[in-house]
N, C-alpha and C. Protein backbone atom coordinates (compact mmCIF):
# COMPACT_ATOMS: atom_id res chain seq x y z
N MET A 1 10.89 -19.60 19.11
CA MET A 1 11.06 -18.46 18.22
C MET A 1 9.85 -18.37 17.30
N SER A 2 9.27 -17.20 17.26
CA SER A 2 8.10 -16.95 16.42
C SER A 2 8.48 -16.11 15.21
N ASN A 3 7.69 -16.27 14.17
CA ASN A 3 7.80 -15.42 12.99
C ASN A 3 6.73 -14.35 13.13
N ILE A 4 7.15 -13.10 13.35
CA ILE A 4 6.22 -12.00 13.61
C ILE A 4 6.13 -11.10 12.39
N VAL A 5 4.91 -10.81 11.98
CA VAL A 5 4.67 -9.85 10.91
C VAL A 5 3.98 -8.64 11.53
N ILE A 6 4.51 -7.46 11.24
CA ILE A 6 3.92 -6.22 11.72
C ILE A 6 3.32 -5.50 10.52
N LEU A 7 2.03 -5.19 10.60
CA LEU A 7 1.38 -4.36 9.58
C LEU A 7 1.43 -2.92 10.08
N LEU A 8 2.28 -2.12 9.47
CA LEU A 8 2.50 -0.74 9.86
C LEU A 8 1.60 0.17 9.03
N GLY A 9 0.64 0.80 9.68
CA GLY A 9 -0.37 1.57 8.98
C GLY A 9 -0.05 3.03 8.73
N SER A 10 1.08 3.52 9.17
CA SER A 10 1.40 4.93 9.02
C SER A 10 2.05 5.23 7.67
N VAL A 11 1.70 6.37 7.12
CA VAL A 11 2.36 6.82 5.89
C VAL A 11 3.48 7.79 6.20
N ARG A 12 3.58 8.22 7.44
CA ARG A 12 4.60 9.20 7.83
C ARG A 12 5.86 8.47 8.27
N LYS A 13 6.86 8.50 7.41
CA LYS A 13 8.15 7.86 7.73
C LYS A 13 8.80 8.57 8.91
N GLY A 14 9.28 7.79 9.86
CA GLY A 14 9.92 8.36 11.04
C GLY A 14 8.94 9.00 12.01
N GLY A 15 7.65 8.76 11.79
CA GLY A 15 6.63 9.32 12.66
C GLY A 15 6.47 8.50 13.93
N ASN A 16 5.48 8.86 14.72
CA ASN A 16 5.29 8.23 16.01
C ASN A 16 4.99 6.74 15.92
N THR A 17 4.13 6.35 14.98
CA THR A 17 3.81 4.92 14.83
C THR A 17 5.05 4.16 14.38
N ASP A 18 5.78 4.73 13.45
CA ASP A 18 7.01 4.12 12.95
C ASP A 18 8.01 3.91 14.10
N LEU A 19 8.15 4.91 14.94
CA LEU A 19 9.08 4.79 16.07
C LEU A 19 8.65 3.70 17.06
N LEU A 20 7.35 3.62 17.32
CA LEU A 20 6.84 2.57 18.21
C LEU A 20 7.09 1.18 17.62
N VAL A 21 6.86 1.04 16.31
CA VAL A 21 7.08 -0.24 15.65
C VAL A 21 8.56 -0.62 15.70
N GLN A 22 9.44 0.34 15.48
CA GLN A 22 10.87 0.05 15.54
C GLN A 22 11.28 -0.39 16.94
N ALA A 23 10.72 0.25 17.96
CA ALA A 23 11.03 -0.15 19.35
C ALA A 23 10.53 -1.56 19.63
N PHE A 24 9.30 -1.86 19.20
CA PHE A 24 8.76 -3.20 19.38
C PHE A 24 9.65 -4.23 18.67
N ALA A 25 9.99 -3.94 17.41
CA ALA A 25 10.79 -4.87 16.62
C ALA A 25 12.15 -5.10 17.25
N GLU A 26 12.76 -4.06 17.78
CA GLU A 26 14.06 -4.20 18.43
C GLU A 26 13.98 -5.18 19.60
N GLY A 27 12.93 -5.08 20.39
CA GLY A 27 12.76 -6.02 21.50
C GLY A 27 12.43 -7.42 21.01
N ALA A 28 11.53 -7.51 20.05
CA ALA A 28 11.07 -8.82 19.56
C ALA A 28 12.17 -9.59 18.84
N GLU A 29 13.07 -8.87 18.17
CA GLU A 29 14.13 -9.55 17.40
C GLU A 29 15.14 -10.26 18.28
N LYS A 30 15.08 -10.04 19.58
CA LYS A 30 15.99 -10.76 20.49
C LYS A 30 15.68 -12.25 20.50
N ASN A 31 14.39 -12.61 20.28
CA ASN A 31 13.98 -14.02 20.35
C ASN A 31 13.15 -14.49 19.16
N ASN A 32 12.96 -13.62 18.16
CA ASN A 32 12.05 -13.95 17.06
C ASN A 32 12.55 -13.34 15.75
N THR A 33 11.93 -13.75 14.67
CA THR A 33 12.16 -13.06 13.40
C THR A 33 11.00 -12.09 13.22
N VAL A 34 11.31 -10.91 12.72
CA VAL A 34 10.33 -9.85 12.58
C VAL A 34 10.37 -9.29 11.16
N GLU A 35 9.21 -9.14 10.58
CA GLU A 35 9.12 -8.48 9.28
C GLU A 35 8.06 -7.39 9.38
N ILE A 36 8.42 -6.22 8.90
CA ILE A 36 7.50 -5.08 8.90
C ILE A 36 6.98 -4.88 7.49
N ILE A 37 5.67 -4.85 7.36
CA ILE A 37 5.03 -4.56 6.08
C ILE A 37 4.42 -3.17 6.20
N SER A 38 4.93 -2.25 5.42
CA SER A 38 4.45 -0.88 5.45
C SER A 38 3.26 -0.72 4.50
N ALA A 39 2.13 -0.32 5.06
CA ALA A 39 0.95 -0.07 4.22
C ALA A 39 1.23 1.05 3.24
N ALA A 40 2.05 2.01 3.65
CA ALA A 40 2.38 3.15 2.78
C ALA A 40 3.19 2.70 1.56
N ASP A 41 3.99 1.66 1.72
CA ASP A 41 4.82 1.18 0.62
C ASP A 41 4.15 0.06 -0.17
N SER A 42 2.96 -0.31 0.22
CA SER A 42 2.23 -1.40 -0.44
C SER A 42 1.09 -0.83 -1.27
N LYS A 43 0.95 -1.34 -2.46
CA LYS A 43 -0.16 -0.95 -3.32
C LYS A 43 -1.26 -1.98 -3.11
N VAL A 44 -2.25 -1.63 -2.28
CA VAL A 44 -3.34 -2.53 -1.97
C VAL A 44 -4.66 -1.80 -2.21
N ASN A 45 -5.44 -2.34 -3.11
CA ASN A 45 -6.76 -1.78 -3.40
C ASN A 45 -7.75 -2.22 -2.32
N PRO A 46 -8.78 -1.42 -2.08
CA PRO A 46 -9.79 -1.82 -1.11
C PRO A 46 -10.56 -3.05 -1.58
N CYS A 47 -11.06 -3.83 -0.63
CA CYS A 47 -11.95 -4.94 -0.94
C CYS A 47 -13.25 -4.34 -1.49
N ILE A 48 -13.78 -4.96 -2.54
CA ILE A 48 -15.05 -4.46 -3.08
C ILE A 48 -16.22 -5.38 -2.71
N GLY A 49 -15.93 -6.39 -1.89
CA GLY A 49 -17.00 -7.25 -1.39
C GLY A 49 -17.65 -8.13 -2.43
N CYS A 50 -16.94 -8.44 -3.50
CA CYS A 50 -17.53 -9.24 -4.57
C CYS A 50 -17.59 -10.73 -4.22
N ASN A 51 -16.77 -11.15 -3.25
CA ASN A 51 -16.71 -12.54 -2.78
C ASN A 51 -16.27 -13.54 -3.84
N THR A 52 -15.69 -13.09 -4.95
CA THR A 52 -15.20 -14.04 -5.94
C THR A 52 -14.00 -14.84 -5.42
N CYS A 53 -13.34 -14.34 -4.37
CA CYS A 53 -12.23 -15.09 -3.78
C CYS A 53 -12.72 -16.41 -3.18
N PHE A 54 -14.00 -16.48 -2.85
CA PHE A 54 -14.56 -17.71 -2.31
C PHE A 54 -14.70 -18.79 -3.38
N GLU A 55 -14.66 -18.37 -4.64
CA GLU A 55 -14.87 -19.31 -5.75
C GLU A 55 -13.63 -19.52 -6.60
N ARG A 56 -12.69 -18.59 -6.56
CA ARG A 56 -11.51 -18.67 -7.42
C ARG A 56 -10.51 -19.71 -6.90
N GLU A 57 -9.77 -20.30 -7.79
CA GLU A 57 -8.75 -21.27 -7.42
C GLU A 57 -7.74 -20.62 -6.46
N GLY A 58 -7.44 -21.32 -5.39
CA GLY A 58 -6.52 -20.79 -4.38
C GLY A 58 -7.08 -19.61 -3.62
N ASN A 59 -8.36 -19.35 -3.81
CA ASN A 59 -9.04 -18.21 -3.16
C ASN A 59 -8.39 -16.87 -3.45
N ARG A 60 -7.75 -16.79 -4.61
CA ARG A 60 -7.07 -15.55 -5.00
C ARG A 60 -8.08 -14.45 -5.31
N CYS A 61 -7.74 -13.27 -4.89
CA CYS A 61 -8.53 -12.09 -5.24
C CYS A 61 -8.27 -11.77 -6.71
N PHE A 62 -9.27 -11.27 -7.38
CA PHE A 62 -9.09 -10.92 -8.78
C PHE A 62 -8.19 -9.69 -8.94
N GLN A 63 -8.04 -8.90 -7.87
CA GLN A 63 -7.22 -7.70 -7.95
C GLN A 63 -5.74 -8.08 -7.91
N GLU A 64 -5.02 -7.61 -8.87
CA GLU A 64 -3.58 -7.89 -8.94
C GLU A 64 -2.84 -6.71 -8.31
N ASP A 65 -2.48 -6.88 -7.05
CA ASP A 65 -1.76 -5.84 -6.33
C ASP A 65 -0.84 -6.50 -5.31
N ASP A 66 -0.30 -5.72 -4.40
CA ASP A 66 0.67 -6.24 -3.43
C ASP A 66 0.06 -7.16 -2.38
N MET A 67 -1.24 -7.27 -2.37
CA MET A 67 -1.88 -8.13 -1.36
C MET A 67 -1.48 -9.59 -1.54
N GLN A 68 -1.21 -10.00 -2.75
CA GLN A 68 -0.80 -11.39 -2.98
C GLN A 68 0.48 -11.71 -2.21
N GLU A 69 1.43 -10.78 -2.21
CA GLU A 69 2.68 -10.97 -1.46
C GLU A 69 2.41 -10.94 0.05
N ILE A 70 1.52 -10.06 0.48
CA ILE A 70 1.18 -9.96 1.90
C ILE A 70 0.53 -11.25 2.38
N TYR A 71 -0.35 -11.83 1.57
CA TYR A 71 -0.96 -13.11 1.94
C TYR A 71 0.12 -14.16 2.21
N GLY A 72 1.12 -14.22 1.36
CA GLY A 72 2.20 -15.19 1.53
C GLY A 72 2.94 -14.99 2.84
N LYS A 73 3.19 -13.74 3.19
CA LYS A 73 3.89 -13.45 4.45
C LYS A 73 3.02 -13.80 5.65
N LEU A 74 1.73 -13.56 5.55
CA LEU A 74 0.83 -13.88 6.66
C LEU A 74 0.67 -15.40 6.83
N LYS A 75 0.76 -16.14 5.74
CA LYS A 75 0.68 -17.60 5.83
C LYS A 75 1.86 -18.16 6.63
N ALA A 76 2.99 -17.47 6.61
CA ALA A 76 4.19 -17.94 7.30
C ALA A 76 4.31 -17.39 8.72
N ALA A 77 3.42 -16.49 9.11
CA ALA A 77 3.51 -15.81 10.41
C ALA A 77 2.88 -16.63 11.53
N ASP A 78 3.51 -16.54 12.71
CA ASP A 78 2.96 -17.10 13.94
C ASP A 78 2.21 -16.04 14.73
N MET A 79 2.63 -14.79 14.50
CA MET A 79 2.05 -13.67 15.24
C MET A 79 1.90 -12.47 14.32
N LEU A 80 0.84 -11.71 14.56
CA LEU A 80 0.58 -10.51 13.78
C LEU A 80 0.47 -9.33 14.74
N VAL A 81 1.10 -8.23 14.36
CA VAL A 81 1.00 -6.98 15.10
C VAL A 81 0.35 -5.95 14.19
N ILE A 82 -0.69 -5.31 14.68
CA ILE A 82 -1.37 -4.24 13.95
C ILE A 82 -0.90 -2.93 14.58
N ALA A 83 -0.31 -2.05 13.77
CA ALA A 83 0.20 -0.77 14.29
C ALA A 83 -0.34 0.36 13.43
N SER A 84 -0.94 1.35 14.08
CA SER A 84 -1.55 2.43 13.31
C SER A 84 -1.61 3.73 14.08
N PRO A 85 -1.49 4.84 13.33
CA PRO A 85 -1.89 6.11 13.92
C PRO A 85 -3.42 6.14 13.95
N VAL A 86 -3.96 6.91 14.86
CA VAL A 86 -5.41 7.04 14.95
C VAL A 86 -5.75 8.48 14.59
N TYR A 87 -6.37 8.65 13.42
CA TYR A 87 -6.71 9.99 12.95
C TYR A 87 -8.12 10.38 13.34
N PHE A 88 -9.06 9.49 13.21
CA PHE A 88 -10.46 9.81 13.52
C PHE A 88 -11.12 8.57 14.10
N TYR A 89 -10.53 8.10 15.22
CA TYR A 89 -11.06 6.98 16.00
C TYR A 89 -11.04 5.65 15.26
N GLY A 90 -10.17 5.53 14.28
CA GLY A 90 -10.01 4.28 13.54
C GLY A 90 -8.58 4.14 13.05
N VAL A 91 -8.26 2.97 12.52
CA VAL A 91 -6.93 2.76 11.94
C VAL A 91 -6.84 3.53 10.63
N SER A 92 -5.63 3.71 10.13
CA SER A 92 -5.43 4.46 8.89
C SER A 92 -6.13 3.77 7.72
N ALA A 93 -6.48 4.54 6.73
CA ALA A 93 -7.16 4.01 5.54
C ALA A 93 -6.29 2.97 4.83
N GLN A 94 -4.99 3.21 4.77
CA GLN A 94 -4.09 2.28 4.10
C GLN A 94 -4.07 0.92 4.81
N LEU A 95 -4.05 0.94 6.12
CA LEU A 95 -4.08 -0.30 6.90
C LEU A 95 -5.44 -0.97 6.80
N LYS A 96 -6.49 -0.18 6.84
CA LYS A 96 -7.85 -0.72 6.74
C LYS A 96 -8.05 -1.47 5.43
N ALA A 97 -7.46 -0.97 4.34
CA ALA A 97 -7.56 -1.66 3.06
C ALA A 97 -6.95 -3.06 3.14
N ILE A 98 -5.82 -3.19 3.81
CA ILE A 98 -5.18 -4.50 3.98
C ILE A 98 -6.05 -5.40 4.86
N ILE A 99 -6.50 -4.86 5.98
CA ILE A 99 -7.32 -5.65 6.90
C ILE A 99 -8.59 -6.15 6.20
N ASP A 100 -9.25 -5.28 5.45
CA ASP A 100 -10.48 -5.68 4.76
C ASP A 100 -10.22 -6.76 3.72
N ARG A 101 -9.04 -6.77 3.12
CA ARG A 101 -8.71 -7.80 2.13
C ARG A 101 -8.44 -9.15 2.78
N LEU A 102 -8.42 -9.21 4.10
CA LEU A 102 -8.30 -10.49 4.80
C LEU A 102 -9.65 -11.20 4.86
N HIS A 103 -10.68 -10.57 4.32
CA HIS A 103 -12.00 -11.22 4.17
C HIS A 103 -11.90 -12.17 2.98
N THR A 104 -11.26 -13.28 3.20
CA THR A 104 -11.03 -14.29 2.18
C THR A 104 -10.89 -15.63 2.86
N PRO A 105 -11.37 -16.69 2.23
CA PRO A 105 -11.17 -18.00 2.85
C PRO A 105 -9.69 -18.39 2.95
N MET A 106 -8.83 -17.67 2.25
CA MET A 106 -7.40 -17.94 2.32
C MET A 106 -6.89 -17.79 3.75
N ARG A 107 -7.57 -16.98 4.56
CA ARG A 107 -7.11 -16.76 5.93
C ARG A 107 -7.12 -18.05 6.76
N SER A 108 -7.86 -19.06 6.31
CA SER A 108 -7.84 -20.33 7.04
C SER A 108 -6.49 -21.04 6.91
N GLU A 109 -5.67 -20.57 5.99
CA GLU A 109 -4.32 -21.13 5.82
C GLU A 109 -3.31 -20.44 6.74
N PHE A 110 -3.70 -19.36 7.37
CA PHE A 110 -2.80 -18.66 8.27
C PHE A 110 -2.62 -19.48 9.54
N LYS A 111 -1.40 -19.50 10.07
CA LYS A 111 -1.14 -20.21 11.32
C LYS A 111 -0.92 -19.23 12.48
N ILE A 112 -1.39 -18.02 12.32
CA ILE A 112 -1.24 -16.98 13.33
C ILE A 112 -1.97 -17.41 14.60
N LYS A 113 -1.26 -17.32 15.73
CA LYS A 113 -1.82 -17.70 17.03
C LYS A 113 -1.94 -16.52 17.98
N LYS A 114 -1.13 -15.47 17.74
CA LYS A 114 -1.10 -14.32 18.64
C LYS A 114 -1.32 -13.04 17.85
N LEU A 115 -1.89 -12.05 18.54
CA LEU A 115 -2.15 -10.76 17.94
C LEU A 115 -1.78 -9.69 18.95
N ALA A 116 -1.17 -8.60 18.48
CA ALA A 116 -0.85 -7.46 19.33
C ALA A 116 -1.29 -6.18 18.62
N LEU A 117 -1.44 -5.12 19.38
CA LEU A 117 -1.96 -3.87 18.86
C LEU A 117 -1.09 -2.71 19.35
N ILE A 118 -0.67 -1.86 18.41
CA ILE A 118 0.10 -0.66 18.73
C ILE A 118 -0.64 0.52 18.09
N LEU A 119 -1.07 1.46 18.93
CA LEU A 119 -1.81 2.62 18.44
C LEU A 119 -1.25 3.89 19.04
N VAL A 120 -1.29 4.96 18.27
CA VAL A 120 -0.87 6.26 18.76
C VAL A 120 -1.80 7.32 18.18
N GLY A 121 -2.19 8.26 19.05
CA GLY A 121 -3.08 9.33 18.61
C GLY A 121 -2.73 10.64 19.27
N ALA A 122 -3.16 11.72 18.64
CA ALA A 122 -2.87 13.06 19.16
C ALA A 122 -3.76 13.43 20.34
N ALA A 123 -4.99 12.98 20.31
CA ALA A 123 -5.94 13.34 21.38
C ALA A 123 -5.56 12.65 22.69
N THR A 124 -6.06 13.18 23.77
CA THR A 124 -5.80 12.59 25.08
C THR A 124 -7.06 12.02 25.70
N LEU A 125 -8.14 11.97 24.95
CA LEU A 125 -9.40 11.42 25.44
C LEU A 125 -9.20 9.99 25.95
N PRO A 126 -9.75 9.66 27.10
CA PRO A 126 -9.62 8.29 27.62
C PRO A 126 -10.19 7.25 26.66
N GLU A 127 -11.22 7.60 25.92
CA GLU A 127 -11.87 6.64 25.02
C GLU A 127 -11.33 6.68 23.59
N LEU A 128 -10.21 7.34 23.37
CA LEU A 128 -9.63 7.51 22.04
C LEU A 128 -9.53 6.20 21.24
N PHE A 129 -9.15 5.12 21.89
CA PHE A 129 -8.88 3.87 21.18
C PHE A 129 -10.02 2.85 21.30
N ASP A 130 -11.10 3.22 21.95
CA ASP A 130 -12.16 2.25 22.27
C ASP A 130 -12.73 1.54 21.05
N SER A 131 -13.02 2.27 19.98
CA SER A 131 -13.63 1.62 18.81
C SER A 131 -12.69 0.60 18.18
N ILE A 132 -11.41 0.90 18.16
CA ILE A 132 -10.43 -0.04 17.60
C ILE A 132 -10.26 -1.24 18.52
N LYS A 133 -10.28 -1.00 19.82
CA LYS A 133 -10.15 -2.10 20.78
C LYS A 133 -11.33 -3.07 20.68
N VAL A 134 -12.50 -2.57 20.39
CA VAL A 134 -13.67 -3.45 20.20
C VAL A 134 -13.44 -4.34 18.98
N GLN A 135 -13.00 -3.75 17.88
CA GLN A 135 -12.72 -4.55 16.68
C GLN A 135 -11.62 -5.58 16.94
N TYR A 136 -10.59 -5.16 17.65
CA TYR A 136 -9.48 -6.04 18.00
C TYR A 136 -9.99 -7.23 18.82
N GLN A 137 -10.82 -6.97 19.81
CA GLN A 137 -11.37 -8.04 20.64
C GLN A 137 -12.24 -8.99 19.81
N LEU A 138 -13.01 -8.46 18.89
CA LEU A 138 -13.83 -9.30 18.02
C LEU A 138 -12.97 -10.25 17.19
N VAL A 139 -11.85 -9.74 16.67
CA VAL A 139 -10.93 -10.57 15.89
C VAL A 139 -10.32 -11.65 16.78
N LEU A 140 -9.89 -11.26 17.99
CA LEU A 140 -9.34 -12.26 18.93
C LEU A 140 -10.35 -13.37 19.19
N ASN A 141 -11.59 -12.99 19.45
CA ASN A 141 -12.62 -13.97 19.76
C ASN A 141 -12.94 -14.85 18.57
N TYR A 142 -13.15 -14.25 17.41
CA TYR A 142 -13.58 -15.00 16.24
C TYR A 142 -12.52 -16.02 15.81
N PHE A 143 -11.26 -15.59 15.81
CA PHE A 143 -10.19 -16.48 15.34
C PHE A 143 -9.50 -17.23 16.47
N LYS A 144 -9.99 -17.04 17.70
CA LYS A 144 -9.44 -17.72 18.87
C LYS A 144 -7.92 -17.48 18.99
N LEU A 145 -7.55 -16.19 18.91
CA LEU A 145 -6.16 -15.79 18.99
C LEU A 145 -5.82 -15.35 20.41
N GLU A 146 -4.56 -15.50 20.76
CA GLU A 146 -4.06 -15.02 22.05
C GLU A 146 -3.74 -13.54 21.94
N ASP A 147 -4.19 -12.76 22.90
CA ASP A 147 -3.86 -11.34 22.97
C ASP A 147 -2.44 -11.21 23.52
N ALA A 148 -1.51 -10.79 22.67
CA ALA A 148 -0.11 -10.67 23.10
C ALA A 148 0.15 -9.33 23.79
N GLY A 149 -0.79 -8.40 23.69
CA GLY A 149 -0.63 -7.13 24.38
C GLY A 149 -0.92 -5.93 23.51
N MET A 150 -1.02 -4.78 24.17
CA MET A 150 -1.32 -3.52 23.48
C MET A 150 -0.40 -2.43 24.00
N VAL A 151 -0.01 -1.56 23.08
CA VAL A 151 0.67 -0.32 23.43
C VAL A 151 -0.21 0.79 22.88
N LEU A 152 -0.73 1.62 23.77
CA LEU A 152 -1.66 2.68 23.40
C LEU A 152 -1.10 4.01 23.90
N VAL A 153 -0.74 4.88 22.97
CA VAL A 153 -0.10 6.14 23.33
C VAL A 153 -0.98 7.31 22.90
N ARG A 154 -1.38 8.10 23.86
CA ARG A 154 -2.19 9.30 23.62
C ARG A 154 -1.30 10.55 23.65
N GLY A 155 -1.79 11.63 23.07
CA GLY A 155 -1.11 12.91 23.17
C GLY A 155 0.16 13.04 22.36
N ALA A 156 0.30 12.27 21.30
CA ALA A 156 1.49 12.34 20.45
C ALA A 156 1.05 12.77 19.05
N LYS A 157 1.07 14.07 18.81
CA LYS A 157 0.58 14.63 17.56
C LYS A 157 1.69 14.82 16.53
N ASP A 158 2.71 15.57 16.92
CA ASP A 158 3.76 15.90 15.98
C ASP A 158 4.81 14.81 15.92
N LYS A 159 5.49 14.76 14.80
CA LYS A 159 6.52 13.76 14.58
C LYS A 159 7.52 13.78 15.73
N GLY A 160 7.71 12.65 16.37
CA GLY A 160 8.66 12.52 17.46
C GLY A 160 8.07 12.73 18.85
N ASP A 161 6.81 13.19 18.94
CA ASP A 161 6.19 13.40 20.25
C ASP A 161 6.20 12.15 21.12
N VAL A 162 6.17 10.98 20.50
CA VAL A 162 6.13 9.74 21.26
C VAL A 162 7.38 9.56 22.11
N LYS A 163 8.45 10.25 21.75
CA LYS A 163 9.68 10.18 22.54
C LYS A 163 9.51 10.79 23.92
N ASN A 164 8.50 11.63 24.08
CA ASN A 164 8.23 12.29 25.36
C ASN A 164 7.22 11.52 26.21
N THR A 165 6.98 10.28 25.84
CA THR A 165 6.05 9.42 26.59
C THR A 165 6.81 8.16 26.99
N GLY A 166 6.16 7.29 27.69
CA GLY A 166 6.77 5.99 28.01
C GLY A 166 6.49 4.95 26.93
N GLY A 167 5.91 5.37 25.83
CA GLY A 167 5.48 4.45 24.77
C GLY A 167 6.59 3.65 24.13
N LEU A 168 7.73 4.27 23.89
CA LEU A 168 8.81 3.54 23.23
C LEU A 168 9.33 2.40 24.11
N GLU A 169 9.48 2.66 25.39
CA GLU A 169 9.93 1.62 26.32
C GLU A 169 8.87 0.53 26.45
N GLU A 170 7.61 0.95 26.49
CA GLU A 170 6.51 -0.02 26.58
C GLU A 170 6.49 -0.92 25.34
N ALA A 171 6.68 -0.33 24.16
CA ALA A 171 6.71 -1.11 22.92
C ALA A 171 7.90 -2.06 22.90
N TYR A 172 9.06 -1.57 23.32
CA TYR A 172 10.25 -2.43 23.39
C TYR A 172 10.01 -3.61 24.33
N GLN A 173 9.46 -3.33 25.51
CA GLN A 173 9.21 -4.39 26.49
C GLN A 173 8.18 -5.39 25.98
N LEU A 174 7.16 -4.92 25.29
CA LEU A 174 6.21 -5.84 24.70
C LEU A 174 6.89 -6.76 23.69
N GLY A 175 7.71 -6.18 22.83
CA GLY A 175 8.47 -6.98 21.86
C GLY A 175 9.35 -8.01 22.54
N LEU A 176 10.04 -7.57 23.58
CA LEU A 176 10.94 -8.44 24.33
C LEU A 176 10.19 -9.60 25.00
N SER A 177 8.94 -9.37 25.35
CA SER A 177 8.16 -10.39 26.05
C SER A 177 7.67 -11.52 25.14
N ILE A 178 7.80 -11.34 23.84
CA ILE A 178 7.30 -12.33 22.88
C ILE A 178 8.33 -13.43 22.73
N ILE A 179 7.94 -14.63 23.10
CA ILE A 179 8.86 -15.78 23.01
C ILE A 179 8.18 -16.88 22.23
């Protein structure tokens, strides 16, 4: 049984990314504990690149926001899932703020071994997710993480469009496969 943390990058409640995350979580909860952290519900300031976290006690960021709680949850996680809508060939700004704040030596305390990716976008271009997949692969390589899988859904623009794709079943099956 793994402790899975999902970073949900969508601000649209009940939107396509939210539905995919719920499907994944439903499958994953059969054999694991799952916690969803909503970037929309988290107050996280962007990293300013000051690097004072490298010198501060406990590597704490000087910014007092919800990231302190997120760090605690990531320290307890065995697996991390990144889930985001794709607006302009990248993850949402809210999710990016959280990801950038992982530029801290505190990440060496994380016991995360697996990483998964859930993305949804309105465009149908074959290369829609390529830039994010490159970043994802770099993270896998740098931290020597296992790729637990990806769910990539194109052509889902309006709220609920993902229901007209195979994405929900794919997300559920990916969740179910996590042991």
